[in-house]
Amino acid sequence: MVFSQKRRLYQICIVIWMDTDYINNWSVALDIKILLKTVKAVLTKSGAK
């Protein structure tokens, strides 16, 4: 039980880090890059499993 709580905390920290990184490095070009990667993942069905 303790292990799963630590893992959950770790996952939350990763999400916060990713959000902060996105905010600090935001640009229209970055949004377009993310959008194109998303479209490619959907069309090739290579998204998260």
PDB file of N, CA and C in Angstrom:
ATOM      1  N   MET A   1       0.814  -1.189   0.000  1.00  0.00           N
ATOM      2  CA  MET A   1       0.000   0.000   0.000  1.00  0.00           C
ATOM      3  C   MET A   1       0.862   1.259   0.000  1.00  0.00           C
ATOM      4  N   VAL A   2       1.897   1.255   0.807  1.00  0.00           N
ATOM      5  CA  VAL A   2       2.786   2.418   0.882  1.00  0.00           C
ATOM      6  C   VAL A   2       3.476   2.632  -0.461  1.00  0.00           C
ATOM      7  N   PHE A   3       3.873   1.524  -1.107  1.00  0.00           N
ATOM      8  CA  PHE A   3       4.538   1.633  -2.401  1.00  0.00           C
ATOM      9  C   PHE A   3       3.632   2.316  -3.421  1.00  0.00           C
ATOM     10  N   SER A   4       2.358   1.957  -3.463  1.00  0.00           N
ATOM     11  CA  SER A   4       1.452   2.549  -4.438  1.00  0.00           C
ATOM     12  C   SER A   4       1.224   4.033  -4.149  1.00  0.00           C
ATOM     13  N   GLN A   5       1.233   4.422  -2.881  1.00  0.00           N
ATOM     14  CA  GLN A   5       1.078   5.835  -2.535  1.00  0.00           C
ATOM     15  C   GLN A   5       2.307   6.631  -2.970  1.00  0.00           C
ATOM     16  N   LYS A   6       3.496   6.055  -2.798  1.00  0.00           N
ATOM     17  CA  LYS A   6       4.720   6.729  -3.238  1.00  0.00           C
ATOM     18  C   LYS A   6       4.742   6.832  -4.753  1.00  0.00           C
ATOM     19  N   ARG A   7       4.294   5.790  -5.418  1.00  0.00           N
ATOM     20  CA  ARG A   7       4.263   5.802  -6.884  1.00  0.00           C
ATOM     21  C   ARG A   7       3.300   6.880  -7.371  1.00  0.00           C
ATOM     22  N   ARG A   8       2.159   7.001  -6.728  1.00  0.00           N
ATOM     23  CA  ARG A   8       1.177   8.015  -7.107  1.00  0.00           C
ATOM     24  C   ARG A   8       1.751   9.419  -6.911  1.00  0.00           C
ATOM     25  N   LEU A   9       2.441   9.633  -5.807  1.00  0.00           N
ATOM     26  CA  LEU A   9       3.079  10.923  -5.550  1.00  0.00           C
ATOM     27  C   LEU A   9       4.119  11.221  -6.624  1.00  0.00           C
ATOM     28  N   TYR A  10       4.890  10.208  -7.002  1.00  0.00           N
ATOM     29  CA  TYR A  10       5.893  10.358  -8.058  1.00  0.00           C
ATOM     30  C   TYR A  10       5.213  10.749  -9.372  1.00  0.00           C
ATOM     31  N   GLN A  11       4.110  10.094  -9.702  1.00  0.00           N
ATOM     32  CA  GLN A  11       3.388  10.401 -10.938  1.00  0.00           C
ATOM     33  C   GLN A  11       2.868  11.834 -10.927  1.00  0.00           C
ATOM     34  N   ILE A  12       2.363  12.277  -9.792  1.00  0.00           N
ATOM     35  CA  ILE A  12       1.877  13.653  -9.673  1.00  0.00           C
ATOM     36  C   ILE A  12       3.015  14.642  -9.870  1.00  0.00           C
ATOM     37  N   CYS A  13       4.178  14.344  -9.299  1.00  0.00           N
ATOM     38  CA  CYS A  13       5.348  15.218  -9.458  1.00  0.00           C
ATOM     39  C   CYS A  13       5.760  15.314 -10.920  1.00  0.00           C
ATOM     40  N   ILE A  14       5.711  14.199 -11.629  1.00  0.00           N
ATOM     41  CA  ILE A  14       6.066  14.188 -13.057  1.00  0.00           C
ATOM     42  C   ILE A  14       5.096  15.068 -13.844  1.00  0.00           C
ATOM     43  N   VAL A  15       3.808  14.955 -13.564  1.00  0.00           N
ATOM     44  CA  VAL A  15       2.807  15.772 -14.256  1.00  0.00           C
ATOM     45  C   VAL A  15       3.041  17.253 -13.982  1.00  0.00           C
ATOM     46  N   ILE A  16       3.310  17.592 -12.741  1.00  0.00           N
ATOM     47  CA  ILE A  16       3.577  18.994 -12.396  1.00  0.00           C
ATOM     48  C   ILE A  16       4.823  19.492 -13.120  1.00  0.00           C
ATOM     49  N   TRP A  17       5.873  18.667 -13.166  1.00  0.00           N
ATOM     50  CA  TRP A  17       7.101  19.046 -13.861  1.00  0.00           C
ATOM     51  C   TRP A  17       6.836  19.262 -15.350  1.00  0.00           C
ATOM     52  N   MET A  18       6.065  18.350 -15.975  1.00  0.00           N
ATOM     53  CA  MET A  18       5.760  18.483 -17.399  1.00  0.00           C
ATOM     54  C   MET A  18       4.938  19.739 -17.676  1.00  0.00           C
ATOM     55  N   ASP A  19       3.960  20.016 -16.825  1.00  0.00           N
ATOM     56  CA  ASP A  19       3.140  21.221 -16.990  1.00  0.00           C
ATOM     57  C   ASP A  19       3.984  22.485 -16.852  1.00  0.00           C
ATOM     58  N   THR A  20       4.849  22.499 -15.854  1.00  0.00           N
ATOM     59  CA  THR A  20       5.716  23.655 -15.633  1.00  0.00           C
ATOM     60  C   THR A  20       6.666  23.855 -16.812  1.00  0.00           C
ATOM     61  N   ASP A  21       7.217  22.776 -17.320  1.00  0.00           N
ATOM     62  CA  ASP A  21       8.113  22.850 -18.475  1.00  0.00           C
ATOM     63  C   ASP A  21       7.374  23.400 -19.695  1.00  0.00           C
ATOM     64  N   TYR A  22       6.145  22.934 -19.908  1.00  0.00           N
ATOM     65  CA  TYR A  22       5.346  23.426 -21.034  1.00  0.00           C
ATOM     66  C   TYR A  22       5.082  24.923 -20.896  1.00  0.00           C
ATOM     67  N   ILE A  23       4.687  25.354 -19.702  1.00  0.00           N
ATOM     68  CA  ILE A  23       4.388  26.771 -19.468  1.00  0.00           C
ATOM     69  C   ILE A  23       5.630  27.628 -19.687  1.00  0.00           C
ATOM     70  N   ASN A  24       6.775  27.173 -19.192  1.00  0.00           N
ATOM     71  CA  ASN A  24       8.007  27.948 -19.316  1.00  0.00           C
ATOM     72  C   ASN A  24       8.543  28.004 -20.739  1.00  0.00           C
ATOM     73  N   ASN A  25       8.181  27.033 -21.571  1.00  0.00           N
ATOM     74  CA  ASN A  25       8.714  26.963 -22.935  1.00  0.00           C
ATOM     75  C   ASN A  25       7.642  27.120 -24.002  1.00  0.00           C
ATOM     76  N   TRP A  26       6.485  27.659 -23.627  1.00  0.00           N
ATOM     77  CA  TRP A  26       5.370  27.747 -24.555  1.00  0.00           C
ATOM     78  C   TRP A  26       5.706  28.611 -25.766  1.00  0.00           C
ATOM     79  N   SER A  27       5.231  28.146 -26.917  1.00  0.00           N
ATOM     80  CA  SER A  27       5.282  28.938 -28.142  1.00  0.00           C
ATOM     81  C   SER A  27       4.267  28.350 -29.114  1.00  0.00           C
ATOM     82  N   VAL A  28       3.923  29.121 -30.119  1.00  0.00           N
ATOM     83  CA  VAL A  28       2.999  28.620 -31.138  1.00  0.00           C
ATOM     84  C   VAL A  28       3.630  27.419 -31.844  1.00  0.00           C
ATOM     85  N   ALA A  29       4.926  27.500 -32.102  1.00  0.00           N
ATOM     86  CA  ALA A  29       5.625  26.394 -32.766  1.00  0.00           C
ATOM     87  C   ALA A  29       5.543  25.114 -31.930  1.00  0.00           C
ATOM     88  N   LEU A  30       5.675  25.231 -30.615  1.00  0.00           N
ATOM     89  CA  LEU A  30       5.575  24.060 -29.747  1.00  0.00           C
ATOM     90  C   LEU A  30       4.175  23.468 -29.805  1.00  0.00           C
ATOM     91  N   ASP A  31       3.152  24.319 -29.801  1.00  0.00           N
ATOM     92  CA  ASP A  31       1.780  23.825 -29.889  1.00  0.00           C
ATOM     93  C   ASP A  31       1.542  23.105 -31.215  1.00  0.00           C
ATOM     94  N   ILE A  32       2.069  23.641 -32.292  1.00  0.00           N
ATOM     95  CA  ILE A  32       1.914  23.000 -33.604  1.00  0.00           C
ATOM     96  C   ILE A  32       2.633  21.653 -33.621  1.00  0.00           C
ATOM     97  N   LYS A  33       3.830  21.604 -33.040  1.00  0.00           N
ATOM     98  CA  LYS A  33       4.587  20.353 -32.966  1.00  0.00           C
ATOM     99  C   LYS A  33       3.802  19.287 -32.195  1.00  0.00           C
ATOM    100  N   ILE A  34       3.232  19.671 -31.054  1.00  0.00           N
ATOM    101  CA  ILE A  34       2.441  18.743 -30.254  1.00  0.00           C
ATOM    102  C   ILE A  34       1.209  18.288 -31.030  1.00  0.00           C
ATOM    103  N   LEU A  35       0.552  19.211 -31.693  1.00  0.00           N
ATOM    104  CA  LEU A  35      -0.632  18.882 -32.477  1.00  0.00           C
ATOM    105  C   LEU A  35      -0.301  17.892 -33.588  1.00  0.00           C
ATOM    106  N   LEU A  36       0.792  18.126 -34.304  1.00  0.00           N
ATOM    107  CA  LEU A  36       1.183  17.215 -35.388  1.00  0.00           C
ATOM    108  C   LEU A  36       1.545  15.832 -34.864  1.00  0.00           C
ATOM    109  N   LYS A  37       2.229  15.777 -33.722  1.00  0.00           N
ATOM    110  CA  LYS A  37       2.556  14.480 -33.118  1.00  0.00           C
ATOM    111  C   LYS A  37       1.285  13.741 -32.702  1.00  0.00           C
ATOM    112  N   THR A  38       0.313  14.502 -32.204  1.00  0.00           N
ATOM    113  CA  THR A  38      -0.956  13.896 -31.779  1.00  0.00           C
ATOM    114  C   THR A  38      -1.703  13.313 -32.975  1.00  0.00           C
ATOM    115  N   VAL A  39      -1.786  14.072 -34.047  1.00  0.00           N
ATOM    116  CA  VAL A  39      -2.467  13.601 -35.255  1.00  0.00           C
ATOM    117  C   VAL A  39      -1.769  12.345 -35.784  1.00  0.00           C
ATOM    118  N   LYS A  40      -0.448  12.355 -35.825  1.00  0.00           N
ATOM    119  CA  LYS A  40       0.304  11.188 -36.293  1.00  0.00           C
ATOM    120  C   LYS A  40       0.026   9.963 -35.419  1.00  0.00           C
ATOM    121  N   ALA A  41       0.022  10.146 -34.105  1.00  0.00           N
ATOM    122  CA  ALA A  41      -0.224   9.033 -33.181  1.00  0.00           C
ATOM    123  C   ALA A  41      -1.627   8.465 -33.372  1.00  0.00           C
ATOM    124  N   VAL A  42      -2.597   9.335 -33.593  1.00  0.00           N
ATOM    125  CA  VAL A  42      -3.971   8.871 -33.788  1.00  0.00           C
ATOM    126  C   VAL A  42      -4.101   8.126 -35.113  1.00  0.00           C
ATOM    127  N   LEU A  43      -3.555   8.693 -36.175  1.00  0.00           N
ATOM    128  CA  LEU A  43      -3.678   8.075 -37.493  1.00  0.00           C
ATOM    129  C   LEU A  43      -2.918   6.751 -37.607  1.00  0.00           C
ATOM    130  N   THR A  44      -1.790   6.650 -36.929  1.00  0.00           N
ATOM    131  CA  THR A  44      -1.013   5.410 -37.003  1.00  0.00           C
ATOM    132  C   THR A  44      -1.321   4.459 -35.840  1.00  0.00           C
ATOM    133  N   LYS A  45      -2.253   4.871 -34.980  1.00  0.00           N
ATOM    134  CA  LYS A  45      -2.661   4.076 -33.815  1.00  0.00           C
ATOM    135  C   LYS A  45      -1.465   3.677 -32.959  1.00  0.00           C
ATOM    136  N   SER A  46      -0.527   4.605 -32.806  1.00  0.00           N
ATOM    137  CA  SER A  46       0.677   4.333 -32.022  1.00  0.00           C
ATOM    138  C   SER A  46       0.694   5.113 -30.707  1.00  0.00           C
ATOM    139  N   GLY A  47      -0.489   5.495 -30.238  1.00  0.00           N
ATOM    140  CA  GLY A  47      -0.585   6.252 -28.994  1.00  0.00           C
ATOM    141  C   GLY A  47      -0.316   5.383 -27.783  1.00  0.00           C
ATOM    142  N   ALA A  48      -0.679   5.887 -26.626  1.00  0.00           N
ATOM    143  CA  ALA A  48      -0.461   5.167 -25.366  1.00  0.00           C
ATOM    144  C   ALA A  48      -1.208   3.839 -25.376  1.00  0.00           C
ATOM    145  N   LYS A  49      -0.586   2.866 -24.740  1.00  0.00           N
ATOM    146  CA  LYS A  49      -1.198   1.528 -24.719  1.00  0.00           C
ATOM    147  C   LYS A  49      -1.512   1.128 -23.321  1.00  0.00           C
TER     148      LYS A  49
END
